[in-house]
């Protein structure tokens, strides 16, 4: 992975993601499918200037979508739960909402 922005694609801003952020000191990101846990850890530490305690990843399967009689699937994507170390300040990437 050459750059930080190819590893971390975007933050996942959902009700569950915000709840995990507030209660468990954990950030949720959509990451590249080939990104490893160490690459995600290094990218978050460099980008937000925080210390990461652990990284968990999950592959989210794409949902089936229909348009009339035609069916198809959305693409699969990878989600990363990044837990920050105790005492680290949460980065605020959600200023516009």
N, C-alpha and C. Protein backbone atom coordinates (compact mmCIF):
# COMPACT_ATOMS: atom_id res chain seq x y z
N UNK A 1 0.83 -1.17 0.00
CA UNK A 1 0.00 0.00 0.00
C UNK A 1 0.89 1.25 0.00
N UNK A 2 0.85 2.06 -1.02
CA UNK A 2 1.76 3.18 -1.12
C UNK A 2 1.43 4.38 -0.22
N UNK A 3 0.16 4.75 -0.04
CA UNK A 3 -0.14 5.95 0.74
C UNK A 3 -1.17 5.64 1.82
N UNK A 4 -1.31 6.58 2.74
CA UNK A 4 -2.29 6.42 3.83
C UNK A 4 -3.71 6.38 3.31
N UNK A 5 -3.98 7.18 2.29
CA UNK A 5 -5.34 7.31 1.80
C UNK A 5 -5.77 6.13 0.92
N UNK A 6 -4.85 5.27 0.52
CA UNK A 6 -5.26 4.05 -0.15
C UNK A 6 -5.54 2.96 0.87
N UNK A 7 -4.99 3.08 2.07
CA UNK A 7 -5.28 2.12 3.13
C UNK A 7 -6.62 2.46 3.78
N UNK A 8 -6.78 3.71 4.24
CA UNK A 8 -8.02 4.15 4.87
C UNK A 8 -8.84 4.90 3.83
N UNK A 9 -10.01 4.37 3.52
CA UNK A 9 -10.84 5.01 2.50
C UNK A 9 -11.74 6.08 3.08
N UNK A 10 -12.47 5.76 4.16
CA UNK A 10 -13.37 6.73 4.77
C UNK A 10 -13.80 6.24 6.14
N UNK A 11 -14.21 7.14 7.02
CA UNK A 11 -14.78 6.70 8.30
C UNK A 11 -16.20 6.20 8.09
N UNK A 12 -16.60 5.22 8.88
CA UNK A 12 -17.95 4.70 8.81
C UNK A 12 -18.78 5.47 9.84
N UNK A 13 -19.66 6.33 9.35
CA UNK A 13 -20.46 7.20 10.22
C UNK A 13 -21.88 6.64 10.26
N UNK A 14 -22.11 5.76 11.21
CA UNK A 14 -23.42 5.18 11.44
C UNK A 14 -23.75 5.29 12.92
N UNK A 15 -24.96 4.94 13.27
CA UNK A 15 -25.35 4.99 14.68
C UNK A 15 -24.51 4.03 15.51
N UNK A 16 -24.28 2.83 14.98
CA UNK A 16 -23.46 1.86 15.69
C UNK A 16 -22.01 2.33 15.78
N UNK A 17 -21.49 2.90 14.71
CA UNK A 17 -20.12 3.39 14.72
C UNK A 17 -19.91 4.52 15.71
N UNK A 18 -20.89 5.42 15.83
CA UNK A 18 -20.77 6.52 16.79
C UNK A 18 -20.90 6.01 18.23
N UNK A 19 -21.76 5.00 18.45
CA UNK A 19 -21.91 4.41 19.78
C UNK A 19 -20.62 3.74 20.23
N UNK A 20 -19.97 3.01 19.33
CA UNK A 20 -18.70 2.35 19.64
C UNK A 20 -17.62 3.39 19.90
N UNK A 21 -17.66 4.48 19.16
CA UNK A 21 -16.67 5.55 19.34
C UNK A 21 -16.77 6.16 20.72
N UNK A 22 -17.99 6.40 21.19
CA UNK A 22 -18.18 7.04 22.48
C UNK A 22 -17.97 6.10 23.66
N UNK A 23 -18.41 4.85 23.56
CA UNK A 23 -18.36 3.95 24.70
C UNK A 23 -17.07 3.14 24.80
N UNK A 24 -16.50 2.73 23.68
CA UNK A 24 -15.36 1.82 23.70
C UNK A 24 -14.05 2.43 23.23
N UNK A 25 -14.03 3.76 22.97
CA UNK A 25 -12.81 4.43 22.53
C UNK A 25 -12.27 3.81 21.23
N UNK A 26 -13.20 3.52 20.30
CA UNK A 26 -12.86 2.80 19.08
C UNK A 26 -13.36 3.59 17.87
N UNK A 27 -12.54 3.65 16.82
CA UNK A 27 -12.91 4.29 15.56
C UNK A 27 -13.22 3.21 14.53
N UNK A 28 -14.12 3.50 13.60
CA UNK A 28 -14.51 2.54 12.57
C UNK A 28 -14.22 3.16 11.21
N UNK A 29 -13.51 2.41 10.36
CA UNK A 29 -13.13 2.89 9.04
C UNK A 29 -13.42 1.84 7.99
N UNK A 30 -13.69 2.32 6.76
CA UNK A 30 -13.67 1.44 5.59
C UNK A 30 -12.25 1.47 5.09
N UNK A 31 -11.65 0.29 4.90
CA UNK A 31 -10.26 0.21 4.48
C UNK A 31 -10.17 -0.62 3.20
N UNK A 32 -9.01 -0.59 2.58
CA UNK A 32 -8.77 -1.37 1.37
C UNK A 32 -8.83 -2.86 1.71
N UNK A 33 -9.33 -3.66 0.79
CA UNK A 33 -9.51 -5.09 1.05
C UNK A 33 -8.19 -5.81 1.28
N UNK A 34 -7.12 -5.34 0.68
CA UNK A 34 -5.82 -5.99 0.85
C UNK A 34 -4.99 -5.41 1.97
N UNK A 35 -5.53 -4.44 2.69
CA UNK A 35 -4.80 -3.81 3.79
C UNK A 35 -4.72 -4.76 4.98
N UNK A 36 -3.54 -4.83 5.60
CA UNK A 36 -3.36 -5.67 6.78
C UNK A 36 -3.61 -4.84 8.03
N UNK A 37 -3.68 -5.53 9.17
CA UNK A 37 -3.91 -4.84 10.44
C UNK A 37 -2.76 -3.88 10.77
N UNK A 38 -1.54 -4.28 10.49
CA UNK A 38 -0.40 -3.41 10.79
C UNK A 38 -0.41 -2.17 9.90
N UNK A 39 -0.80 -2.32 8.64
CA UNK A 39 -0.89 -1.15 7.75
C UNK A 39 -1.97 -0.19 8.22
N UNK A 40 -3.11 -0.73 8.67
CA UNK A 40 -4.19 0.12 9.18
C UNK A 40 -3.72 0.84 10.44
N UNK A 41 -3.03 0.13 11.33
CA UNK A 41 -2.53 0.73 12.57
C UNK A 41 -1.57 1.88 12.27
N UNK A 42 -0.62 1.65 11.38
CA UNK A 42 0.36 2.68 11.03
C UNK A 42 -0.32 3.88 10.36
N UNK A 43 -1.32 3.63 9.51
CA UNK A 43 -2.00 4.72 8.81
C UNK A 43 -2.78 5.59 9.80
N UNK A 44 -3.49 4.98 10.76
CA UNK A 44 -4.26 5.75 11.73
C UNK A 44 -3.33 6.53 12.65
N UNK A 45 -2.24 5.90 13.09
CA UNK A 45 -1.30 6.60 13.97
C UNK A 45 -0.67 7.79 13.26
N UNK A 46 -0.34 7.66 12.00
CA UNK A 46 0.28 8.74 11.24
C UNK A 46 -0.74 9.84 10.90
N UNK A 47 -1.92 9.44 10.50
CA UNK A 47 -2.92 10.40 10.05
C UNK A 47 -3.51 11.23 11.19
N UNK A 48 -3.85 10.58 12.31
CA UNK A 48 -4.51 11.27 13.42
C UNK A 48 -3.58 11.59 14.58
N UNK A 49 -2.33 11.11 14.53
CA UNK A 49 -1.33 11.35 15.58
C UNK A 49 -1.82 10.86 16.95
N UNK A 50 -2.26 9.61 16.98
CA UNK A 50 -2.71 8.95 18.21
C UNK A 50 -2.02 7.59 18.31
N UNK A 51 -2.07 6.97 19.47
CA UNK A 51 -1.53 5.63 19.68
C UNK A 51 -2.66 4.61 19.60
N UNK A 52 -2.46 3.55 18.83
CA UNK A 52 -3.47 2.51 18.63
C UNK A 52 -3.15 1.32 19.51
N UNK A 53 -4.18 0.82 20.21
CA UNK A 53 -4.01 -0.36 21.05
C UNK A 53 -4.23 -1.64 20.26
N UNK A 54 -5.32 -1.71 19.46
CA UNK A 54 -5.60 -2.92 18.70
C UNK A 54 -6.43 -2.59 17.47
N UNK A 55 -6.41 -3.52 16.52
CA UNK A 55 -7.18 -3.38 15.28
C UNK A 55 -7.91 -4.69 15.03
N UNK A 56 -9.21 -4.60 14.76
CA UNK A 56 -10.00 -5.76 14.35
C UNK A 56 -10.55 -5.46 12.96
N UNK A 57 -10.58 -6.46 12.09
CA UNK A 57 -11.09 -6.25 10.75
C UNK A 57 -12.19 -7.25 10.45
N UNK A 58 -13.06 -6.87 9.53
CA UNK A 58 -14.16 -7.73 9.10
C UNK A 58 -14.45 -7.45 7.63
N UNK A 59 -14.76 -8.50 6.89
CA UNK A 59 -15.19 -8.36 5.51
C UNK A 59 -16.72 -8.29 5.51
N UNK A 60 -17.26 -7.21 4.96
CA UNK A 60 -18.70 -7.02 4.88
C UNK A 60 -19.14 -7.44 3.49
N UNK A 61 -20.05 -8.41 3.43
CA UNK A 61 -20.52 -8.89 2.14
C UNK A 61 -21.51 -7.91 1.54
N UNK A 62 -21.44 -7.75 0.22
CA UNK A 62 -22.33 -6.83 -0.48
C UNK A 62 -23.75 -7.34 -0.51
N UNK A 63 -24.70 -6.43 -0.40
CA UNK A 63 -26.11 -6.79 -0.40
C UNK A 63 -26.61 -7.01 -1.82
N UNK A 64 -27.64 -7.82 -1.94
CA UNK A 64 -28.28 -8.01 -3.24
C UNK A 64 -29.18 -6.82 -3.52
N UNK A 65 -29.09 -6.29 -4.71
CA UNK A 65 -29.91 -5.16 -5.12
C UNK A 65 -30.66 -5.52 -6.39
N UNK A 66 -31.91 -5.04 -6.49
CA UNK A 66 -32.72 -5.33 -7.66
C UNK A 66 -33.14 -4.04 -8.33
N UNK A 67 -33.22 -4.10 -9.63
CA UNK A 67 -33.74 -3.00 -10.43
C UNK A 67 -34.74 -3.65 -11.38
N UNK A 68 -36.00 -3.70 -10.97
CA UNK A 68 -37.00 -4.40 -11.76
C UNK A 68 -36.78 -5.90 -11.67
N UNK A 69 -36.67 -6.56 -12.80
CA UNK A 69 -36.44 -8.01 -12.78
C UNK A 69 -34.95 -8.37 -12.75
N UNK A 70 -34.08 -7.38 -12.84
CA UNK A 70 -32.64 -7.63 -12.86
C UNK A 70 -32.08 -7.55 -11.44
N UNK A 71 -31.22 -8.51 -11.12
CA UNK A 71 -30.61 -8.52 -9.79
C UNK A 71 -29.10 -8.38 -9.93
N UNK A 72 -28.50 -7.89 -8.88
CA UNK A 72 -27.06 -7.75 -8.84
C UNK A 72 -26.62 -7.61 -7.40
N UNK A 73 -25.34 -7.52 -7.18
CA UNK A 73 -24.80 -7.41 -5.83
C UNK A 73 -23.92 -6.18 -5.73
N UNK A 74 -23.98 -5.53 -4.58
CA UNK A 74 -23.02 -4.48 -4.28
C UNK A 74 -21.69 -5.14 -3.97
N UNK A 75 -20.59 -4.42 -4.14
CA UNK A 75 -19.29 -5.05 -3.89
C UNK A 75 -19.04 -5.28 -2.40
N UNK A 76 -18.23 -6.31 -2.10
CA UNK A 76 -17.79 -6.56 -0.73
C UNK A 76 -16.80 -5.47 -0.32
N UNK A 77 -16.71 -5.20 1.00
CA UNK A 77 -15.76 -4.21 1.48
C UNK A 77 -15.27 -4.61 2.85
N UNK A 78 -14.17 -4.01 3.25
CA UNK A 78 -13.51 -4.37 4.51
C UNK A 78 -13.67 -3.24 5.52
N UNK A 79 -14.03 -3.62 6.75
CA UNK A 79 -14.24 -2.67 7.84
C UNK A 79 -13.19 -2.92 8.90
N UNK A 80 -12.66 -1.83 9.49
CA UNK A 80 -11.65 -1.96 10.55
C UNK A 80 -12.13 -1.21 11.79
N UNK A 81 -12.09 -1.91 12.93
CA UNK A 81 -12.36 -1.30 14.23
C UNK A 81 -11.01 -1.03 14.87
N UNK A 82 -10.69 0.24 15.09
CA UNK A 82 -9.39 0.65 15.62
C UNK A 82 -9.58 1.17 17.04
N UNK A 83 -9.07 0.44 18.03
CA UNK A 83 -9.18 0.85 19.43
C UNK A 83 -7.96 1.67 19.81
N UNK A 84 -8.21 2.83 20.38
CA UNK A 84 -7.13 3.71 20.81
C UNK A 84 -6.70 3.34 22.22
N UNK A 85 -5.45 3.69 22.56
CA UNK A 85 -4.95 3.42 23.90
C UNK A 85 -5.64 4.33 24.91
N UNK A 86 -5.62 3.91 26.18
CA UNK A 86 -6.22 4.69 27.24
C UNK A 86 -5.55 6.06 27.32
N UNK A 87 -6.37 7.09 27.50
CA UNK A 87 -5.84 8.45 27.63
C UNK A 87 -5.66 9.19 26.32
N UNK A 88 -5.83 8.53 25.19
CA UNK A 88 -5.69 9.21 23.90
C UNK A 88 -6.96 9.99 23.59
N UNK A 89 -6.79 11.18 23.03
CA UNK A 89 -7.92 12.02 22.67
C UNK A 89 -8.51 11.54 21.35
N UNK A 90 -9.85 11.47 21.31
CA UNK A 90 -10.53 11.03 20.09
C UNK A 90 -10.45 12.10 19.01
N UNK A 91 -10.01 11.75 17.80
CA UNK A 91 -10.02 12.73 16.72
C UNK A 91 -11.45 13.01 16.27
N UNK A 92 -11.74 14.24 15.97
CA UNK A 92 -13.08 14.63 15.54
C UNK A 92 -13.07 14.80 14.01
N UNK A 93 -13.55 13.79 13.31
CA UNK A 93 -13.68 13.88 11.85
C UNK A 93 -15.13 14.11 11.47
N UNK A 94 -15.98 14.41 12.44
CA UNK A 94 -17.41 14.56 12.21
C UNK A 94 -17.85 15.96 12.62
N UNK A 95 -17.27 16.99 12.04
CA UNK A 95 -17.58 18.36 12.44
C UNK A 95 -18.80 18.92 11.72
N UNK A 96 -19.14 18.43 10.55
CA UNK A 96 -20.21 19.03 9.76
C UNK A 96 -21.60 18.55 10.15
N UNK A 97 -21.71 17.48 10.92
CA UNK A 97 -23.05 16.95 11.26
C UNK A 97 -23.47 17.47 12.61
